[in-house]
Amino acid sequence: MEACNKTDYKISFDRLPHLDSRKSTVRIRFNTHLVEHVEEVLTYDEQSLIGEVGGTMGMYLGASALSIVEVLMIKGCELIRKRDKTS
């Protein structure tokens, strides 16, 4: 993304009596000598993105693994109950 540039100009024309009408003079004046410096810094770089994606994937994989273990435990308990009822 490119930086935004804003430049304000105030133009005024003055006729100087001592100059020939065929010549032009350009004067540049600034109202203040104040200079504003703005620096943009990335706060979300590639390393942060990779870390966040990896953390999210780890969370979902962990939840999936726990769900699989939970389903296996429930099925195991059901099998044990069925076996106990038949014996």
PDB file of N, CA and C in Angstrom:
ATOM      1  N   MET A   1       0.841  -1.162   0.000  1.00  0.00           N
ATOM      2  CA  MET A   1       0.000   0.000   0.000  1.00  0.00           C
ATOM      3  C   MET A   1       0.893   1.235   0.000  1.00  0.00           C
ATOM      4  N   GLU A   2       0.599   2.139  -0.897  1.00  0.00           N
ATOM      5  CA  GLU A   2       1.408   3.349  -1.000  1.00  0.00           C
ATOM      6  C   GLU A   2       0.962   4.382   0.031  1.00  0.00           C
ATOM      7  N   ALA A   3       1.900   5.188   0.447  1.00  0.00           N
ATOM      8  CA  ALA A   3       1.599   6.240   1.411  1.00  0.00           C
ATOM      9  C   ALA A   3       0.802   7.351   0.740  1.00  0.00           C
ATOM     10  N   CYS A   4      -0.036   7.999   1.515  1.00  0.00           N
ATOM     11  CA  CYS A   4      -0.812   9.137   1.006  1.00  0.00           C
ATOM     12  C   CYS A   4       0.051  10.390   1.081  1.00  0.00           C
ATOM     13  N   ASN A   5      -0.025  11.196   0.061  1.00  0.00           N
ATOM     14  CA  ASN A   5       0.711  12.460   0.046  1.00  0.00           C
ATOM     15  C   ASN A   5      -0.291  13.594  -0.050  1.00  0.00           C
ATOM     16  N   LYS A   6      -0.110  14.601   0.771  1.00  0.00           N
ATOM     17  CA  LYS A   6      -0.976  15.760   0.723  1.00  0.00           C
ATOM     18  C   LYS A   6      -0.091  16.995   0.751  1.00  0.00           C
ATOM     19  N   THR A   7      -0.276  17.843  -0.218  1.00  0.00           N
ATOM     20  CA  THR A   7       0.484  19.076  -0.282  1.00  0.00           C
ATOM     21  C   THR A   7      -0.488  20.222  -0.491  1.00  0.00           C
ATOM     22  N   ASP A   8      -0.433  21.203   0.368  1.00  0.00           N
ATOM     23  CA  ASP A   8      -1.286  22.383   0.242  1.00  0.00           C
ATOM     24  C   ASP A   8      -0.443  23.552  -0.271  1.00  0.00           C
ATOM     25  N   TYR A   9      -0.970  24.251  -1.243  1.00  0.00           N
ATOM     26  CA  TYR A   9      -0.285  25.408  -1.797  1.00  0.00           C
ATOM     27  C   TYR A   9      -1.180  26.629  -1.674  1.00  0.00           C
ATOM     28  N   LYS A  10      -0.585  27.732  -1.338  1.00  0.00           N
ATOM     29  CA  LYS A  10      -1.284  29.006  -1.370  1.00  0.00           C
ATOM     30  C   LYS A  10      -0.552  29.875  -2.389  1.00  0.00           C
ATOM     31  N   ILE A  11      -1.258  30.301  -3.385  1.00  0.00           N
ATOM     32  CA  ILE A  11      -0.621  31.042  -4.474  1.00  0.00           C
ATOM     33  C   ILE A  11      -1.073  32.500  -4.411  1.00  0.00           C
ATOM     34  N   SER A  12      -0.119  33.373  -4.537  1.00  0.00           N
ATOM     35  CA  SER A  12      -0.442  34.803  -4.630  1.00  0.00           C
ATOM     36  C   SER A  12       0.472  35.422  -5.684  1.00  0.00           C
ATOM     37  N   PHE A  13      -0.043  36.404  -6.345  1.00  0.00           N
ATOM     38  CA  PHE A  13       0.699  37.085  -7.413  1.00  0.00           C
ATOM     39  C   PHE A  13       0.907  38.540  -7.023  1.00  0.00           C
ATOM     40  N   ASP A  14       2.134  38.959  -7.108  1.00  0.00           N
ATOM     41  CA  ASP A  14       2.472  40.361  -6.836  1.00  0.00           C
ATOM     42  C   ASP A  14       3.257  40.896  -8.024  1.00  0.00           C
ATOM     43  N   ARG A  15       2.917  42.084  -8.425  1.00  0.00           N
ATOM     44  CA  ARG A  15       3.684  42.724  -9.490  1.00  0.00           C
ATOM     45  C   ARG A  15       4.794  43.548  -8.866  1.00  0.00           C
ATOM     46  N   LEU A  16       5.978  43.278  -9.358  1.00  0.00           N
ATOM     47  CA  LEU A  16       7.114  44.041  -8.849  1.00  0.00           C
ATOM     48  C   LEU A  16       7.467  45.114  -9.875  1.00  0.00           C
ATOM     49  N   PRO A  17       7.498  46.351  -9.461  1.00  0.00           N
ATOM     50  CA  PRO A  17       7.672  47.439 -10.421  1.00  0.00           C
ATOM     51  C   PRO A  17       9.052  47.480 -11.077  1.00  0.00           C
ATOM     52  N   HIS A  18      10.069  46.960 -10.423  1.00  0.00           N
ATOM     53  CA  HIS A  18      11.416  47.084 -10.967  1.00  0.00           C
ATOM     54  C   HIS A  18      11.756  46.005 -11.996  1.00  0.00           C
ATOM     55  N   LEU A  19      10.866  45.018 -12.191  1.00  0.00           N
ATOM     56  CA  LEU A  19      11.150  43.952 -13.137  1.00  0.00           C
ATOM     57  C   LEU A  19      10.495  44.222 -14.485  1.00  0.00           C
ATOM     58  N   ASP A  20      11.135  43.749 -15.498  1.00  0.00           N
ATOM     59  CA  ASP A  20      10.604  43.856 -16.852  1.00  0.00           C
ATOM     60  C   ASP A  20       9.378  42.956 -16.966  1.00  0.00           C
ATOM     61  N   SER A  21       8.350  43.320 -17.691  1.00  0.00           N
ATOM     62  CA  SER A  21       7.109  42.556 -17.802  1.00  0.00           C
ATOM     63  C   SER A  21       7.311  41.245 -18.556  1.00  0.00           C
ATOM     64  N   ARG A  22       8.459  41.076 -19.247  1.00  0.00           N
ATOM     65  CA  ARG A  22       8.713  39.836 -19.990  1.00  0.00           C
ATOM     66  C   ARG A  22       9.416  38.785 -19.123  1.00  0.00           C
ATOM     67  N   LYS A  23       9.774  39.125 -17.926  1.00  0.00           N
ATOM     68  CA  LYS A  23      10.483  38.195 -17.053  1.00  0.00           C
ATOM     69  C   LYS A  23       9.558  37.739 -15.922  1.00  0.00           C
ATOM     70  N   SER A  24       9.862  36.572 -15.390  1.00  0.00           N
ATOM     71  CA  SER A  24       9.070  36.030 -14.275  1.00  0.00           C
ATOM     72  C   SER A  24       9.994  35.755 -13.101  1.00  0.00           C
ATOM     73  N   THR A  25       9.448  35.925 -11.957  1.00  0.00           N
ATOM     74  CA  THR A  25      10.174  35.621 -10.732  1.00  0.00           C
ATOM     75  C   THR A  25       9.294  34.706  -9.891  1.00  0.00           C
ATOM     76  N   VAL A  26       9.917  33.698  -9.338  1.00  0.00           N
ATOM     77  CA  VAL A  26       9.177  32.776  -8.481  1.00  0.00           C
ATOM     78  C   VAL A  26       9.789  32.847  -7.098  1.00  0.00           C
ATOM     79  N   ARG A  27       8.960  33.110  -6.123  1.00  0.00           N
ATOM     80  CA  ARG A  27       9.392  33.108  -4.730  1.00  0.00           C
ATOM     81  C   ARG A  27       8.586  32.050  -4.000  1.00  0.00           C
ATOM     82  N   ILE A  28       9.275  31.265  -3.240  1.00  0.00           N
ATOM     83  CA  ILE A  28       8.603  30.230  -2.452  1.00  0.00           C
ATOM     84  C   ILE A  28       8.816  30.561  -0.982  1.00  0.00           C
ATOM     85  N   ARG A  29       7.716  30.706  -0.267  1.00  0.00           N
ATOM     86  CA  ARG A  29       7.786  30.984   1.164  1.00  0.00           C
ATOM     87  C   ARG A  29       6.918  29.975   1.891  1.00  0.00           C
ATOM     88  N   PHE A  30       7.374  29.596   3.044  1.00  0.00           N
ATOM     89  CA  PHE A  30       6.612  28.687   3.895  1.00  0.00           C
ATOM     90  C   PHE A  30       6.106  29.466   5.095  1.00  0.00           C
ATOM     91  N   ASN A  31       4.868  29.141   5.497  1.00  0.00           N
ATOM     92  CA  ASN A  31       4.301  29.826   6.660  1.00  0.00           C
ATOM     93  C   ASN A  31       5.039  29.452   7.940  1.00  0.00           C
ATOM     94  N   THR A  32       5.448  28.210   8.038  1.00  0.00           N
ATOM     95  CA  THR A  32       6.190  27.764   9.224  1.00  0.00           C
ATOM     96  C   THR A  32       7.366  26.906   8.766  1.00  0.00           C
ATOM     97  N   HIS A  33       8.290  26.724   9.656  1.00  0.00           N
ATOM     98  CA  HIS A  33       9.429  25.859   9.380  1.00  0.00           C
ATOM     99  C   HIS A  33       9.213  24.476   9.996  1.00  0.00           C
ATOM    100  N   LEU A  34       7.994  24.191  10.354  1.00  0.00           N
ATOM    101  CA  LEU A  34       7.651  22.935  10.996  1.00  0.00           C
ATOM    102  C   LEU A  34       7.533  21.828   9.949  1.00  0.00           C
ATOM    103  N   VAL A  35       8.212  20.720  10.197  1.00  0.00           N
ATOM    104  CA  VAL A  35       8.167  19.567   9.293  1.00  0.00           C
ATOM    105  C   VAL A  35       7.578  18.397  10.062  1.00  0.00           C
ATOM    106  N   GLU A  36       6.602  17.737   9.460  1.00  0.00           N
ATOM    107  CA  GLU A  36       5.982  16.582  10.105  1.00  0.00           C
ATOM    108  C   GLU A  36       6.494  15.324   9.427  1.00  0.00           C
ATOM    109  N   HIS A  37       7.025  14.407  10.217  1.00  0.00           N
ATOM    110  CA  HIS A  37       7.552  13.143   9.692  1.00  0.00           C
ATOM    111  C   HIS A  37       6.678  12.016  10.213  1.00  0.00           C
ATOM    112  N   VAL A  38       6.074  11.261   9.301  1.00  0.00           N
ATOM    113  CA  VAL A  38       5.207  10.146   9.671  1.00  0.00           C
ATOM    114  C   VAL A  38       5.849   8.868   9.159  1.00  0.00           C
ATOM    115  N   GLU A  39       5.989   7.891  10.044  1.00  0.00           N
ATOM    116  CA  GLU A  39       6.603   6.626   9.668  1.00  0.00           C
ATOM    117  C   GLU A  39       5.612   5.504   9.939  1.00  0.00           C
ATOM    118  N   GLU A  40       5.414   4.637   8.957  1.00  0.00           N
ATOM    119  CA  GLU A  40       4.518   3.505   9.112  1.00  0.00           C
ATOM    120  C   GLU A  40       5.340   2.261   9.419  1.00  0.00           C
ATOM    121  N   VAL A  41       4.890   1.523  10.413  1.00  0.00           N
ATOM    122  CA  VAL A  41       5.591   0.319  10.833  1.00  0.00           C
ATOM    123  C   VAL A  41       4.602  -0.839  10.818  1.00  0.00           C
ATOM    124  N   LEU A  42       5.011  -1.951  10.225  1.00  0.00           N
ATOM    125  CA  LEU A  42       4.151  -3.121  10.222  1.00  0.00           C
ATOM    126  C   LEU A  42       4.059  -3.689  11.627  1.00  0.00           C
ATOM    127  N   THR A  43       2.844  -3.942  12.069  1.00  0.00           N
ATOM    128  CA  THR A  43       2.673  -4.538  13.385  1.00  0.00           C
ATOM    129  C   THR A  43       2.251  -5.998  13.277  1.00  0.00           C
ATOM    130  N   TYR A  44       1.971  -6.437  12.084  1.00  0.00           N
ATOM    131  CA  TYR A  44       1.533  -7.807  11.869  1.00  0.00           C
ATOM    132  C   TYR A  44       2.336  -8.356  10.704  1.00  0.00           C
ATOM    133  N   ASP A  45       3.497  -8.916  10.999  1.00  0.00           N
ATOM    134  CA  ASP A  45       4.380  -9.389   9.940  1.00  0.00           C
ATOM    135  C   ASP A  45       4.121 -10.863   9.641  1.00  0.00           C
ATOM    136  N   GLU A  46       4.916 -11.421   8.733  1.00  0.00           N
ATOM    137  CA  GLU A  46       4.734 -12.809   8.300  1.00  0.00           C
ATOM    138  C   GLU A  46       4.915 -13.786   9.452  1.00  0.00           C
ATOM    139  N   GLN A  47       5.866 -13.526  10.324  1.00  0.00           N
ATOM    140  CA  GLN A  47       6.118 -14.418  11.455  1.00  0.00           C
ATOM    141  C   GLN A  47       4.907 -14.467  12.388  1.00  0.00           C
ATOM    142  N   SER A  48       4.279 -13.332  12.621  1.00  0.00           N
ATOM    143  CA  SER A  48       3.080 -13.305  13.464  1.00  0.00           C
ATOM    144  C   SER A  48       1.942 -14.070  12.810  1.00  0.00           C
ATOM    145  N   LEU A  49       1.792 -13.915  11.496  1.00  0.00           N
ATOM    146  CA  LEU A  49       0.743 -14.629  10.776  1.00  0.00           C
ATOM    147  C   LEU A  49       0.948 -16.134  10.876  1.00  0.00           C
ATOM    148  N   ILE A  50       2.163 -16.600  10.641  1.00  0.00           N
ATOM    149  CA  ILE A  50       2.457 -18.032  10.716  1.00  0.00           C
ATOM    150  C   ILE A  50       2.214 -18.544  12.133  1.00  0.00           C
ATOM    151  N   GLY A  51       2.614 -17.791  13.122  1.00  0.00           N
ATOM    152  CA  GLY A  51       2.398 -18.187  14.513  1.00  0.00           C
ATOM    153  C   GLY A  51       0.928 -18.283  14.862  1.00  0.00           C
ATOM    154  N   GLU A  52       0.148 -17.320  14.390  1.00  0.00           N
ATOM    155  CA  GLU A  52      -1.278 -17.341  14.698  1.00  0.00           C
ATOM    156  C   GLU A  52      -1.994 -18.488  13.993  1.00  0.00           C
ATOM    157  N   VAL A  53      -1.665 -18.719  12.727  1.00  0.00           N
ATOM    158  CA  VAL A  53      -2.275 -19.836  11.988  1.00  0.00           C
ATOM    159  C   VAL A  53      -1.881 -21.156  12.637  1.00  0.00           C
ATOM    160  N   GLY A  54      -0.621 -21.312  13.002  1.00  0.00           N
ATOM    161  CA  GLY A  54      -0.165 -22.540  13.650  1.00  0.00           C
ATOM    162  C   GLY A  54      -0.842 -22.756  14.995  1.00  0.00           C
ATOM    163  N   GLY A  55      -1.010 -21.708  15.763  1.00  0.00           N
ATOM    164  CA  GLY A  55      -1.686 -21.821  17.054  1.00  0.00           C
ATOM    165  C   GLY A  55      -3.139 -22.226  16.906  1.00  0.00           C
ATOM    166  N   THR A  56      -3.813 -21.629  15.918  1.00  0.00           N
ATOM    167  CA  THR A  56      -5.218 -21.971  15.676  1.00  0.00           C
ATOM    168  C   THR A  56      -5.353 -23.409  15.214  1.00  0.00           C
ATOM    169  N   MET A  57      -4.469 -23.824  14.303  1.00  0.00           N
ATOM    170  CA  MET A  57      -4.514 -25.216  13.832  1.00  0.00           C
ATOM    171  C   MET A  57      -4.239 -26.181  14.979  1.00  0.00           C
ATOM    172  N   GLY A  58      -3.300 -25.857  15.841  1.00  0.00           N
ATOM    173  CA  GLY A  58      -3.003 -26.705  16.990  1.00  0.00           C
ATOM    174  C   GLY A  58      -4.189 -26.819  17.928  1.00  0.00           C
ATOM    175  N   MET A  59      -4.886 -25.699  18.121  1.00  0.00           N
ATOM    176  CA  MET A  59      -6.057 -25.726  18.990  1.00  0.00           C
ATOM    177  C   MET A  59      -7.133 -26.642  18.418  1.00  0.00           C
ATOM    178  N   TYR A  60      -7.418 -26.515  17.121  1.00  0.00           N
ATOM    179  CA  TYR A  60      -8.448 -27.352  16.502  1.00  0.00           C
ATOM    180  C   TYR A  60      -8.026 -28.819  16.438  1.00  0.00           C
ATOM    181  N   LEU A  61      -6.757 -29.089  16.163  1.00  0.00           N
ATOM    182  CA  LEU A  61      -6.293 -30.476  16.149  1.00  0.00           C
ATOM    183  C   LEU A  61      -6.363 -31.087  17.546  1.00  0.00           C
ATOM    184  N   GLY A  62      -6.028 -30.309  18.554  1.00  0.00           N
ATOM    185  CA  GLY A  62      -6.131 -30.788  19.931  1.00  0.00           C
ATOM    186  C   GLY A  62      -7.570 -31.080  20.311  1.00  0.00           C
ATOM    187  N   ALA A  63      -8.478 -30.189  19.926  1.00  0.00           N
ATOM    188  CA  ALA A  63      -9.892 -30.410  20.213  1.00  0.00           C
ATOM    189  C   ALA A  63     -10.402 -31.635  19.474  1.00  0.00           C
ATOM    190  N   SER A  64      -9.959 -31.839  18.252  1.00  0.00           N
ATOM    191  CA  SER A  64     -10.366 -33.011  17.484  1.00  0.00           C
ATOM    192  C   SER A  64      -9.844 -34.282  18.127  1.00  0.00           C
ATOM    193  N   ALA A  65      -8.593 -34.263  18.562  1.00  0.00           N
ATOM    194  CA  ALA A  65      -8.012 -35.446  19.207  1.00  0.00           C
ATOM    195  C   ALA A  65      -8.763 -35.769  20.491  1.00  0.00           C
ATOM    196  N   LEU A  66      -9.122 -34.742  21.278  1.00  0.00           N
ATOM    197  CA  LEU A  66      -9.887 -34.978  22.497  1.00  0.00           C
ATOM    198  C   LEU A  66     -11.272 -35.527  22.182  1.00  0.00           C
ATOM    199  N   SER A  67     -11.881 -35.035  21.109  1.00  0.00           N
ATOM    200  CA  SER A  67     -13.199 -35.543  20.711  1.00  0.00           C
ATOM    201  C   SER A  67     -13.110 -37.003  20.309  1.00  0.00           C
ATOM    202  N   ILE A  68     -12.072 -37.374  19.591  1.00  0.00           N
ATOM    203  CA  ILE A  68     -11.902 -38.773  19.174  1.00  0.00           C
ATOM    204  C   ILE A  68     -11.710 -39.663  20.393  1.00  0.00           C
ATOM    205  N   VAL A  69     -10.897 -39.215  21.344  1.00  0.00           N
ATOM    206  CA  VAL A  69     -10.675 -39.982  22.573  1.00  0.00           C
ATOM    207  C   VAL A  69     -11.991 -40.116  23.344  1.00  0.00           C
ATOM    208  N   GLU A  70     -12.763 -39.022  23.403  1.00  0.00           N
ATOM    209  CA  GLU A  70     -14.040 -39.052  24.116  1.00  0.00           C
ATOM    210  C   GLU A  70     -15.015 -40.029  23.462  1.00  0.00           C
ATOM    211  N   VAL A  71     -15.092 -40.028  22.132  1.00  0.00           N
ATOM    212  CA  VAL A  71     -15.969 -40.959  21.416  1.00  0.00           C
ATOM    213  C   VAL A  71     -15.524 -42.394  21.670  1.00  0.00           C
ATOM    214  N   LEU A  72     -14.227 -42.646  21.635  1.00  0.00           N
ATOM    215  CA  LEU A  72     -13.726 -43.996  21.903  1.00  0.00           C
ATOM    216  C   LEU A  72     -14.045 -44.443  23.324  1.00  0.00           C
ATOM    217  N   MET A  73     -13.954 -43.534  24.279  1.00  0.00           N
ATOM    218  CA  MET A  73     -14.283 -43.879  25.663  1.00  0.00           C
ATOM    219  C   MET A  73     -15.766 -44.202  25.805  1.00  0.00           C
ATOM    220  N   ILE A  74     -16.631 -43.419  25.168  1.00  0.00           N
ATOM    221  CA  ILE A  74     -18.070 -43.667  25.240  1.00  0.00           C
ATOM    222  C   ILE A  74     -18.402 -45.018  24.607  1.00  0.00           C
ATOM    223  N   LYS A  75     -17.851 -45.286  23.445  1.00  0.00           N
ATOM    224  CA  LYS A  75     -18.094 -46.576  22.770  1.00  0.00           C
ATOM    225  C   LYS A  75     -17.555 -47.735  23.606  1.00  0.00           C
ATOM    226  N   GLY A  76     -16.398 -47.541  24.217  1.00  0.00           N
ATOM    227  CA  GLY A  76     -15.823 -48.571  25.069  1.00  0.00           C
ATOM    228  C   GLY A  76     -16.714 -48.857  26.269  1.00  0.00           C
ATOM    229  N   CYS A  77     -17.251 -47.788  26.884  1.00  0.00           N
ATOM    230  CA  CYS A  77     -18.157 -47.967  28.027  1.00  0.00           C
ATOM    231  C   CYS A  77     -19.426 -48.695  27.599  1.00  0.00           C
ATOM    232  N   GLU A  78     -19.963 -48.357  26.416  1.00  0.00           N
ATOM    233  CA  GLU A  78     -21.157 -49.043  25.906  1.00  0.00           C
ATOM    234  C   GLU A  78     -20.879 -50.523  25.672  1.00  0.00           C
ATOM    235  N   LEU A  79     -19.720 -50.842  25.116  1.00  0.00           N
ATOM    236  CA  LEU A  79     -19.370 -52.245  24.885  1.00  0.00           C
ATOM    237  C   LEU A  79     -19.239 -53.000  26.211  1.00  0.00           C
ATOM    238  N   ILE A  80     -18.656 -52.361  27.215  1.00  0.00           N
ATOM    239  CA  ILE A  80     -18.499 -53.003  28.519  1.00  0.00           C
ATOM    240  C   ILE A  80     -19.872 -53.248  29.149  1.00  0.00           C
ATOM    241  N   ARG A  81     -20.786 -52.258  29.036  1.00  0.00           N
ATOM    242  CA  ARG A  81     -22.136 -52.425  29.581  1.00  0.00           C
ATOM    243  C   ARG A  81     -22.871 -53.570  28.895  1.00  0.00           C
ATOM    244  N   LYS A  82     -22.756 -53.638  27.556  1.00  0.00           N
ATOM    245  CA  LYS A  82     -23.418 -54.719  26.810  1.00  0.00           C
ATOM    246  C   LYS A  82     -22.853 -56.076  27.238  1.00  0.00           C
ATOM    247  N   ARG A  83     -21.556 -56.143  27.399  1.00  0.00           N
ATOM    248  CA  ARG A  83     -20.917 -57.387  27.799  1.00  0.00           C
ATOM    249  C   ARG A  83     -21.349 -57.791  29.201  1.00  0.00           C
ATOM    250  N   ASP A  84     -21.465 -56.827  30.108  1.00  0.00           N
ATOM    251  CA  ASP A  84     -21.885 -57.111  31.486  1.00  0.00           C
ATOM    252  C   ASP A  84     -23.347 -57.564  31.524  1.00  0.00           C
ATOM    253  N   LYS A  85     -24.200 -56.985  30.653  1.00  0.00           N
ATOM    254  CA  LYS A  85     -25.607 -57.351  30.630  1.00  0.00           C
ATOM    255  C   LYS A  85     -25.799 -58.784  30.093  1.00  0.00           C
ATOM    256  N   THR A  86     -24.993 -59.183  29.134  1.00  0.00           N
ATOM    257  CA  THR A  86     -25.127 -60.521  28.539  1.00  0.00           C
ATOM    258  C   THR A  86     -24.531 -61.600  29.431  1.00  0.00           C
ATOM    259  N   SER A  87     -23.652 -61.256  30.322  1.00  0.00           N
ATOM    260  CA  SER A  87     -23.038 -62.310  31.141  1.00  0.00           C
ATOM    261  C   SER A  87     -23.749 -62.552  32.431  1.00  0.00           C
TER     262      SER A  87
END
